[in-house]
C-alpha atoms as a PDB file:
ATOM      1  CA  MET A   1      90.302 175.242  99.247  1.00  0.00           C
ATOM      2  CA  SER A   2      93.536 176.552 100.813  1.00  0.00           C
ATOM      3  CA  PHE A   3      96.815 174.628 100.716  1.00  0.00           C
ATOM      4  CA  LEU A   4      96.656 173.893 104.455  1.00  0.00           C
ATOM      5  CA  THR A   5      93.096 172.645 104.142  1.00  0.00           C
ATOM      6  CA  LYS A   6      94.083 170.354 101.274  1.00  0.00           C
ATOM      7  CA  LEU A   7      97.096 169.077 103.205  1.00  0.00           C
ATOM      8  CA  PHE A   8      94.967 168.425 106.292  1.00  0.00           C
ATOM      9  CA  ALA A   9      92.454 166.532 104.158  1.00  0.00           C
ATOM     10  CA  ARG A  10      95.180 164.286 102.742  1.00  0.00           C
ATOM     11  CA  ILE A  11      96.707 163.487 106.139  1.00  0.00           C
ATOM     12  CA  PHE A  12      93.444 163.106 108.076  1.00  0.00           C
ATOM     13  CA  PRO A  13      90.747 162.215 105.521  1.00  0.00           C
ATOM     14  CA  GLY A  14      88.224 161.135 108.158  1.00  0.00           C
ATOM     15  CA  ALA A  15      88.583 164.365 110.105  1.00  0.00           C
ATOM     16  CA  ALA A  16      88.380 166.349 106.884  1.00  0.00           C
ATOM     17  CA  ARG A  17      85.071 164.675 106.010  1.00  0.00           C
ATOM     18  CA  ALA A  18      83.745 165.461 109.465  1.00  0.00           C
ATOM     19  CA  THR A  19      84.821 169.088 109.074  1.00  0.00           C
ATOM     20  CA  ALA A  20      83.270 169.285 105.622  1.00  0.00           C
ATOM     21  CA  SER A  21      79.995 167.923 106.981  1.00  0.00           C
ATOM     22  CA  TYR A  22      79.759 170.745 109.537  1.00  0.00           C
ATOM     23  CA  ARG A  23      77.550 173.439 108.104  1.00  0.00           C
ATOM     24  CA  ARG A  24      75.656 176.277 109.674  1.00  0.00           C
ATOM     25  CA  ASP A  25      73.179 178.741 108.274  1.00  0.00           C
ATOM     26  CA  ILE A  26      73.963 182.400 107.767  1.00  0.00           C
ATOM     27  CA  PRO A  27      72.286 184.445 110.568  1.00  0.00           C
ATOM     28  CA  ALA A  28      70.266 186.399 108.020  1.00  0.00           C
ATOM     29  CA  ALA A  29      68.193 188.381 110.523  1.00  0.00           C
ATOM     30  CA  LEU A  30      71.204 189.638 112.460  1.00  0.00           C
ATOM     31  CA  LEU A  31      73.179 190.454 109.319  1.00  0.00           C
ATOM     32  CA  GLY A  32      70.191 191.941 107.519  1.00  0.00           C
ATOM     33  CA  ASN A  33      69.650 194.658 110.126  1.00  0.00           C
ATOM     34  CA  GLU A  34      71.563 197.734 108.926  1.00  0.00           C
ATOM     35  CA  THR A  35      71.395 199.218 112.442  1.00  0.00           C
ATOM     36  CA  ASN A  36      73.571 196.344 113.659  1.00  0.00           C
ATOM     37  CA  TRP A  37      76.182 197.101 110.994  1.00  0.00           C
ATOM     38  CA  ARG A  38      76.181 200.787 111.902  1.00  0.00           C
ATOM     39  CA  MET A  39      76.527 199.981 115.600  1.00  0.00           C
ATOM     40  CA  ALA A  40      79.497 197.686 114.919  1.00  0.00           C
ATOM     41  CA  ARG A  41      81.156 200.242 112.610  1.00  0.00           C
ATOM     42  CA  GLU A  42      80.833 202.932 115.284  1.00  0.00           C
ATOM     43  CA  MET A  43      82.391 200.581 117.842  1.00  0.00           C
ATOM     44  CA  LEU A  44      85.275 199.926 115.444  1.00  0.00           C
ATOM     45  CA  ALA A  45      85.802 203.671 115.002  1.00  0.00           C
ATOM     46  CA  ARG A  46      85.963 204.155 118.782  1.00  0.00           C
ATOM     47  CA  LEU A  47      88.586 201.422 119.071  1.00  0.00           C
ATOM     48  CA  GLU A  48      90.681 203.198 116.450  1.00  0.00           C
ATOM     49  CA  THR A  49      90.296 206.495 118.298  1.00  0.00           C
ATOM     50  CA  ALA A  50      91.536 204.664 121.401  1.00  0.00           C
ATOM     51  CA  GLY A  51      94.885 203.993 119.694  1.00  0.00           C
ATOM     52  CA  LEU A  52      94.235 200.546 118.238  1.00  0.00           C
ATOM     53  CA  ARG A  53      95.532 200.242 114.678  1.00  0.00           C
ATOM     54  CA  ILE A  54      93.820 197.965 112.157  1.00  0.00           C
ATOM     55  CA  ARG A  55      96.201 195.835 110.101  1.00  0.00           C
ATOM     56  CA  PRO A  56      96.746 197.243 106.607  1.00  0.00           C
ATOM     57  CA  GLY A  57      94.915 195.370 103.882  1.00  0.00           C
ATOM     58  CA  LEU A  58      91.941 194.265 105.965  1.00  0.00           C
ATOM     59  CA  ASP A  59      88.448 195.071 104.743  1.00  0.00           C
ATOM     60  CA  ARG A  60      86.226 197.022 107.161  1.00  0.00           C
ATOM     61  CA  ASP A  61      83.022 195.372 105.981  1.00  0.00           C
ATOM     62  CA  LEU A  62      84.520 191.913 106.474  1.00  0.00           C
ATOM     63  CA  ILE A  63      85.679 192.913 109.958  1.00  0.00           C
ATOM     64  CA  VAL A  64      82.117 193.916 110.853  1.00  0.00           C
ATOM     65  CA  PHE A  65      80.825 190.746 109.169  1.00  0.00           C
ATOM     66  CA  ARG A  66      83.199 188.685 111.325  1.00  0.00           C
ATOM     67  CA  PHE A  67      82.091 190.467 114.502  1.00  0.00           C
ATOM     68  CA  LEU A  68      78.386 189.972 113.807  1.00  0.00           C
ATOM     69  CA  LEU A  69      78.950 186.297 113.018  1.00  0.00           C
ATOM     70  CA  SER A  70      80.778 185.914 116.329  1.00  0.00           C
ATOM     71  CA  VAL A  71      78.088 187.450 118.520  1.00  0.00           C
ATOM     72  CA  GLU A  72      75.430 185.329 116.807  1.00  0.00           C
ATOM     73  CA  TYR A  73      76.256 182.621 119.355  1.00  0.00           C
ATOM     74  CA  TRP A  74      74.884 184.812 122.166  1.00  0.00           C
ATOM     75  CA  CYS A  75      72.607 187.342 120.477  1.00  0.00           C
ATOM     76  CA  GLU A  76      69.155 185.929 119.822  1.00  0.00           C
ATOM     77  CA  GLY A  77      67.104 187.657 117.163  1.00  0.00           C
ATOM     78  CA  ASP A  78      68.205 190.593 115.062  1.00  0.00           C
ATOM     79  CA  ASP A  79      68.529 193.434 117.598  1.00  0.00           C
ATOM     80  CA  LEU A  80      72.179 193.881 118.538  1.00  0.00           C
ATOM     81  CA  ALA A  81      71.489 196.978 120.637  1.00  0.00           C
ATOM     82  CA  ALA A  82      68.898 195.190 122.793  1.00  0.00           C
ATOM     83  CA  TRP A  83      71.298 192.301 123.393  1.00  0.00           C
ATOM     84  CA  ALA A  84      74.220 194.621 124.198  1.00  0.00           C
ATOM     85  CA  ALA A  85      72.106 196.518 126.733  1.00  0.00           C
ATOM     86  CA  GLU A  86      71.591 193.310 128.716  1.00  0.00           C
ATOM     87  CA  THR A  87      75.222 192.151 128.804  1.00  0.00           C
ATOM     88  CA  LYS A  88      77.535 192.713 131.760  1.00  0.00           C
ATOM     89  CA  ASN A  89      80.316 194.046 129.547  1.00  0.00           C
ATOM     90  CA  SER A  90      80.438 197.324 127.656  1.00  0.00           C
ATOM     91  CA  PHE A  91      79.884 196.958 123.919  1.00  0.00           C
ATOM     92  CA  ASP A  92      83.358 198.262 123.080  1.00  0.00           C
ATOM     93  CA  ILE A  93      84.909 195.617 125.344  1.00  0.00           C
ATOM     94  CA  ILE A  94      82.916 192.871 123.639  1.00  0.00           C
ATOM     95  CA  GLY A  95      84.220 194.105 120.303  1.00  0.00           C
ATOM     96  CA  PHE A  96      87.794 194.513 121.544  1.00  0.00           C
ATOM     97  CA  TRP A  97      87.938 191.040 123.106  1.00  0.00           C
ATOM     98  CA  ASN A  98      86.463 189.519 119.970  1.00  0.00           C
ATOM     99  CA  LEU A  99      88.547 191.300 117.354  1.00  0.00           C
ATOM    100  CA  ALA A 100      91.894 191.015 119.154  1.00  0.00           C
ATOM    101  CA  ARG A 101      91.899 187.217 119.035  1.00  0.00           C
ATOM    102  CA  GLU A 102      91.613 184.402 116.544  1.00  0.00           C
ATOM    103  CA  THR A 103      88.082 183.390 115.536  1.00  0.00           C
ATOM    104  CA  ASP A 104      86.293 180.437 113.974  1.00  0.00           C
ATOM    105  CA  ALA A 105      83.308 182.605 113.027  1.00  0.00           C
ATOM    106  CA  PHE A 106      83.702 181.862 109.313  1.00  0.00           C
ATOM    107  CA  HIS A 107      83.745 178.099 109.764  1.00  0.00           C
ATOM    108  CA  GLY A 108      80.971 176.062 108.175  1.00  0.00           C
ATOM    109  CA  LEU A 109      79.015 178.922 106.622  1.00  0.00           C
ATOM    110  CA  GLU A 110      76.744 178.157 103.676  1.00  0.00           C
ATOM    111  CA  ASP A 111      76.477 180.581 100.728  1.00  0.00           C
ATOM    112  CA  ILE A 112      78.716 183.195 102.316  1.00  0.00           C
ATOM    113  CA  GLY A 113      78.747 185.256  99.131  1.00  0.00           C
ATOM    114  CA  ALA A 114      75.035 185.988  99.503  1.00  0.00           C
ATOM    115  CA  VAL A 115      75.646 188.220 102.533  1.00  0.00           C
ATOM    116  CA  ALA A 116      79.231 189.246 101.779  1.00  0.00           C
ATOM    117  CA  PRO A 117      79.093 190.623  98.217  1.00  0.00           C
ATOM    118  CA  LYS A 118      82.834 191.298  98.167  1.00  0.00           C
ATOM    119  CA  LEU A 119      83.394 187.552  98.395  1.00  0.00           C
ATOM    120  CA  ALA A 120      80.720 186.523  95.898  1.00  0.00           C
ATOM    121  CA  PHE A 121      82.909 186.798  92.804  1.00  0.00           C
ATOM    122  CA  LEU A 122      86.051 185.222  94.278  1.00  0.00           C
ATOM    123  CA  ASP A 123      87.099 181.700  93.420  1.00  0.00           C
ATOM    124  CA  PRO A 124      87.240 179.280  96.398  1.00  0.00           C
ATOM    125  CA  ASP A 125      90.997 179.652  96.944  1.00  0.00           C
ATOM    126  CA  ALA A 126      90.841 183.450  96.883  1.00  0.00           C
ATOM    127  CA  MET A 127      87.864 183.415  99.257  1.00  0.00           C
ATOM    128  CA  ASP A 128      89.723 181.128 101.668  1.00  0.00           C
ATOM    129  CA  ALA A 129      92.712 183.471 101.578  1.00  0.00           C
ATOM    130  CA  MET A 130      90.542 186.520 102.233  1.00  0.00           C
ATOM    131  CA  LEU A 131      88.763 184.895 105.181  1.00  0.00           C
ATOM    132  CA  GLU A 132      92.047 183.555 106.560  1.00  0.00           C
ATOM    133  CA  ALA A 133      93.491 187.078 106.625  1.00  0.00           C
ATOM    134  CA  HIS A 134      90.521 188.218 108.725  1.00  0.00           C
ATOM    135  CA  ARG A 135      90.605 185.247 111.110  1.00  0.00           C
ATOM    136  CA  PHE A 136      93.329 186.543 113.419  1.00  0.00           C
ATOM    137  CA  SER A 137      93.568 189.727 115.503  1.00  0.00           C
ATOM    138  CA  ILE A 138      92.572 192.609 113.268  1.00  0.00           C
ATOM    139  CA  PHE A 139      94.927 194.941 115.153  1.00  0.00           C
ATOM    140  CA  GLU A 140      98.600 195.351 114.362  1.00  0.00           C
ATOM    141  CA  ASN A 141      99.326 196.587 117.908  1.00  0.00           C
ATOM    142  CA  ALA A 142      97.023 194.355 119.999  1.00  0.00           C
ATOM    143  CA  ALA A 143      96.497 190.609 120.236  1.00  0.00           C
ATOM    144  CA  ALA A 144      95.410 187.930 122.683  1.00  0.00           C
ATOM    145  CA  ILE A 145      98.444 186.102 124.076  1.00  0.00           C
ATOM    146  CA  CYS A 146      98.164 182.992 126.224  1.00  0.00           C
ATOM    147  CA  PHE A 147     100.722 182.937 129.048  1.00  0.00           C
ATOM    148  CA  ILE A 148      99.993 179.383 130.187  1.00  0.00           C
ATOM    149  CA  ASN A 149     103.231 177.401 130.158  1.00  0.00           C
ATOM    150  CA  GLU A 150     102.748 173.999 128.548  1.00  0.00           C
ATOM    151  CA  HIS A 151     105.888 174.341 126.456  1.00  0.00           C
ATOM    152  CA  PHE A 152     108.930 172.148 126.102  1.00  0.00           C
ATOM    153  CA  PRO A 153     111.998 173.540 127.928  1.00  0.00           C
ATOM    154  CA  GLY A 154     113.597 176.326 125.951  1.00  0.00           C
ATOM    155  CA  GLN A 155     110.460 177.330 124.017  1.00  0.00           C
ATOM    156  CA  TYR A 156     108.411 179.615 126.289  1.00  0.00           C
ATOM    157  CA  ALA A 157     110.666 182.680 126.318  1.00  0.00           C
ATOM    158  CA  PRO A 158     111.447 182.731 122.563  1.00  0.00           C
ATOM    159  CA  GLU A 159     107.789 182.209 121.626  1.00  0.00           C
ATOM    160  CA  HIS A 160     106.498 184.972 123.889  1.00  0.00           C
ATOM    161  CA  VAL A 161     109.202 187.494 123.044  1.00  0.00           C
ATOM    162  CA  GLU A 162     108.379 186.859 119.382  1.00  0.00           C
ATOM    163  CA  ALA A 163     104.703 187.599 120.113  1.00  0.00           C
ATOM    164  CA  PHE A 164     105.673 190.947 121.660  1.00  0.00           C
ATOM    165  CA  MET A 165     107.925 191.718 118.691  1.00  0.00           C
ATOM    166  CA  ALA A 166     105.039 191.101 116.294  1.00  0.00           C
ATOM    167  CA  LEU A 167     103.059 193.841 118.054  1.00  0.00           C
ATOM    168  CA  ALA A 168     106.014 196.216 117.695  1.00  0.00           C
ATOM    169  CA  VAL A 169     105.731 195.919 113.894  1.00  0.00           C
ATOM    170  CA  GLY A 170     109.472 196.147 113.260  1.00  0.00           C
ATOM    171  CA  ASP A 171     110.225 198.796 115.910  1.00  0.00           C
ATOM    172  CA  LEU A 172     112.181 196.370 118.143  1.00  0.00           C
ATOM    173  CA  SER A 173     115.658 195.195 117.123  1.00  0.00           C
ATOM    174  CA  ILE A 174     116.337 191.860 118.820  1.00  0.00           C
ATOM    175  CA  GLN A 175     119.059 189.474 117.734  1.00  0.00           C
ATOM    176  CA  ASP A 176     118.361 186.361 119.795  1.00  0.00           C
ATOM    177  CA  VAL A 177     116.294 184.932 122.660  1.00  0.00           C
ATOM    178  CA  THR A 178     117.342 181.985 124.810  1.00  0.00           C
ATOM    179  CA  GLU A 179     115.802 180.225 127.785  1.00  0.00           C
ATOM    180  CA  THR A 180     117.455 178.332 130.621  1.00  0.00           C
ATOM    181  CA  ARG A 181     116.309 177.012 133.982  1.00  0.00           C
ATOM    182  CA  GLY A 182     117.460 178.171 137.410  1.00  0.00           C
ATOM    183  CA  GLU A 183     116.912 177.394 141.101  1.00  0.00           C
ATOM    184  CA  GLY A 184     116.624 173.654 140.682  1.00  0.00           C
ATOM    185  CA  GLU A 185     114.502 173.847 137.531  1.00  0.00           C
ATOM    186  CA  GLU A 186     111.838 175.897 139.341  1.00  0.00           C
ATOM    187  CA  GLU A 187     112.632 179.127 137.498  1.00  0.00           C
ATOM    188  CA  LEU A 188     112.533 180.030 133.834  1.00  0.00           C
ATOM    189  CA  VAL A 189     115.224 182.513 132.800  1.00  0.00           C
ATOM    190  CA  GLY A 190     114.844 184.307 129.482  1.00  0.00           C
ATOM    191  CA  ARG A 191     117.761 186.222 127.967  1.00  0.00           C
ATOM    192  CA  VAL A 192     117.168 188.679 125.161  1.00  0.00           C
ATOM    193  CA  THR A 193     120.142 189.798 123.077  1.00  0.00           C
ATOM    194  CA  LEU A 194     119.587 193.124 121.359  1.00  0.00           C
ATOM    195  CA  ALA A 195     120.912 194.088 117.944  1.00  0.00           C
ATOM    196  CA  ASP A 196     123.701 196.126 119.575  1.00  0.00           C
ATOM    197  CA  GLY A 197     124.857 193.144 121.644  1.00  0.00           C
ATOM    198  CA  ARG A 198     123.392 194.244 124.968  1.00  0.00           C
ATOM    199  CA  THR A 199     121.312 191.725 126.887  1.00  0.00           C
ATOM    200  CA  GLU A 200     118.204 191.956 129.033  1.00  0.00           C
ATOM    201  CA  SER A 201     116.859 189.080 131.099  1.00  0.00           C
ATOM    202  CA  PHE A 202     113.751 188.092 133.028  1.00  0.00           C
ATOM    203  CA  THR A 203     113.003 185.339 135.533  1.00  0.00           C
ATOM    204  CA  MET A 204     109.610 183.684 135.935  1.00  0.00           C
ATOM    205  CA  ARG A 205     108.351 180.698 137.853  1.00  0.00           C
ATOM    206  CA  ALA A 206     108.516 177.538 135.722  1.00  0.00           C
ATOM    207  CA  GLU A 207     104.891 176.670 136.419  1.00  0.00           C
ATOM    208  CA  LYS A 208     101.741 176.296 134.350  1.00  0.00           C
ATOM    209  CA  ARG A 209     100.381 179.777 135.083  1.00  0.00           C
ATOM    210  CA  PRO A 210     103.384 181.993 135.766  1.00  0.00           C
ATOM    211  CA  ASP A 211     103.113 185.688 136.590  1.00  0.00           C
ATOM    212  CA  PRO A 212     104.085 187.384 133.294  1.00  0.00           C
ATOM    213  CA  THR A 213     105.040 190.681 134.980  1.00  0.00           C
ATOM    214  CA  PRO A 214     108.835 190.114 134.624  1.00  0.00           C
ATOM    215  CA  LEU A 215     108.382 189.498 130.894  1.00  0.00           C
ATOM    216  CA  PHE A 216     106.356 192.696 130.483  1.00  0.00           C
ATOM    217  CA  GLU A 217     108.881 194.709 132.490  1.00  0.00           C
ATOM    218  CA  THR A 218     111.782 193.435 130.397  1.00  0.00           C
ATOM    219  CA  MET A 219     110.018 194.017 127.089  1.00  0.00           C
ATOM    220  CA  ASN A 220     109.077 197.523 128.229  1.00  0.00           C
ATOM    221  CA  ALA A 221     112.694 198.214 129.200  1.00  0.00           C
ATOM    222  CA  ILE A 222     113.772 197.149 125.707  1.00  0.00           C
ATOM    223  CA  ALA A 223     110.981 199.196 124.113  1.00  0.00           C
ATOM    224  CA  ALA A 224     112.071 202.265 126.109  1.00  0.00           C
ATOM    225  CA  LEU A 225     115.686 201.830 124.974  1.00  0.00           C
ATOM    226  CA  GLN A 226     114.590 201.637 121.349  1.00  0.00           C
ATOM    227  CA  GLY A 227     111.834 204.261 121.418  1.00  0.00           C
ATOM    228  CA  ALA A 228     109.126 201.701 120.707  1.00  0.00           C
ATOM    229  CA  GLY A 229     106.465 202.786 123.205  1.00  0.00           C
ATOM    230  CA  ARG A 230     105.332 200.332 125.874  1.00  0.00           C
ATOM    231  CA  PHE A 231     103.292 197.182 126.362  1.00  0.00           C
ATOM    232  CA  ILE A 232     100.231 196.936 128.590  1.00  0.00           C
ATOM    233  CA  ALA A 233      97.980 194.023 129.517  1.00  0.00           C
ATOM    234  CA  VAL A 234      94.178 194.035 129.415  1.00  0.00           C
ATOM    235  CA  VAL A 235      92.139 191.295 131.064  1.00  0.00           C
ATOM    236  CA  SER A 236      90.138 189.173 128.647  1.00  0.00           C
ATOM    237  CA  ALA A 237      87.173 186.826 128.883  1.00  0.00           C
ATOM    238  CA  GLY A 238      89.453 183.772 128.696  1.00  0.00           C
ATOM    239  CA  GLU A 239      92.744 182.558 130.114  1.00  0.00           C
ATOM    240  CA  ASP A 240      94.764 184.820 127.866  1.00  0.00           C
ATOM    241  CA  LEU A 241      95.527 188.524 128.137  1.00  0.00           C
ATOM    242  CA  ILE A 242      95.123 191.123 125.437  1.00  0.00           C
ATOM    243  CA  VAL A 243      98.571 192.666 125.016  1.00  0.00           C
ATOM    244  CA  VAL A 244      98.615 196.155 123.531  1.00  0.00           C
ATOM    245  CA  ARG A 245     101.676 198.073 122.315  1.00  0.00           C
ATOM    246  CA  LEU A 246     101.149 201.826 122.585  1.00  0.00           C
ATOM    247  CA  GLN A 247     103.153 204.872 121.641  1.00  0.00           C
ATOM    248  CA  PRO A 248     102.932 207.791 124.147  1.00  0.00           C
ATOM    249  CA  GLU A 249     100.025 209.545 122.406  1.00  0.00           C
ATOM    250  CA  GLU A 250      98.224 206.221 121.900  1.00  0.00           C
ATOM    251  CA  LYS A 251      98.619 205.409 125.575  1.00  0.00           C
ATOM    252  CA  ILE A 252      96.813 208.611 126.542  1.00  0.00           C
ATOM    253  CA  ALA A 253      93.950 207.820 124.172  1.00  0.00           C
ATOM    254  CA  PHE A 254      93.742 204.194 125.280  1.00  0.00           C
ATOM    255  CA  ARG A 255      93.708 205.125 128.971  1.00  0.00           C
ATOM    256  CA  ALA A 256      90.836 207.547 128.385  1.00  0.00           C
ATOM    257  CA  TRP A 257      88.918 204.836 126.518  1.00  0.00           C
ATOM    258  CA  ALA A 258      89.670 202.113 129.080  1.00  0.00           C
ATOM    259  CA  ASP A 259      88.481 204.314 131.945  1.00  0.00           C
ATOM    260  CA  ARG A 260      85.031 204.447 130.303  1.00  0.00           C
ATOM    261  CA  GLN A 261      84.690 200.666 129.947  1.00  0.00           C
ATOM    262  CA  TYR A 262      83.297 198.057 132.306  1.00  0.00           C
ATOM    263  CA  CYS A 263      83.105 194.282 132.448  1.00  0.00           C
ATOM    264  CA  ALA A 264      81.296 191.765 134.641  1.00  0.00           C
ATOM    265  CA  ALA A 265      83.763 192.291 137.499  1.00  0.00           C
ATOM    266  CA  GLY A 266      83.448 196.102 137.407  1.00  0.00           C
ATOM    267  CA  PRO A 267      85.875 198.566 135.785  1.00  0.00           C
ATOM    268  CA  LEU A 268      88.039 197.077 133.047  1.00  0.00           C
ATOM    269  CA  PRO A 269      91.262 195.743 134.624  1.00  0.00           C
ATOM    270  CA  VAL A 270      94.299 197.116 132.772  1.00  0.00           C
ATOM    271  CA  ASP A 271      97.874 196.691 133.994  1.00  0.00           C
ATOM    272  CA  TRP A 272      99.853 199.637 132.679  1.00  0.00           C
ATOM    273  CA  PHE A 273     103.209 198.499 134.147  1.00  0.00           C
ATOM    274  CA  ASP A 274     103.992 202.091 135.162  1.00  0.00           C
END
């Protein structure tokens, strides 16, 4: 049991018991079909070819395991290909949307070591740590970011700039981020101080669902100054966007991949901020 799990159990014992009582069976048929594993591995390889970089230290088999557990909610039976053929989204998009965001796919599983041999010989704490590492976006340059503003004043700009910086993996040098309000509290003004003392700013509506374009434009201006590529936004299946940070050669590869994808609304909507 991880430290956070233990702490949660001590603070909220009733909730912890309820969580502990939630159990679900391993989808043995879906996981036992080697064709499904091969199909998911090939999808993962295409995402890498498209310029998406998997975080160092993650295990490919556990990534595929996570993906198959996630689609179990919608895929009946053991034939992933048959299910994918009937969906309104391309298979790569399903994988991208799934793997670029946080998941609860590992929650409540019984006898996980039986279908994930790499976990079978780990003690409970080590297993928790391994699964926790695979719970978030598997990509170091792409992640789902929610732009809904339900923050206390002063928090939205710093939190979102920090999310962009995480995707830059150390390639952005930013000293400080502050947030103020303008135009009678109806505008949110973010100011980003760079390591060299220069500042960049953006203004957004201080509303629940603001247009994030000014934030993207400012972060791309900073990225251009520091040779850190650029950020793009890909529509997702939820209220968040998948933000991707691409270097020039990665952008070419990602554009070629994105042009081949489709979702329920038609071609995959990508805002390149060109």
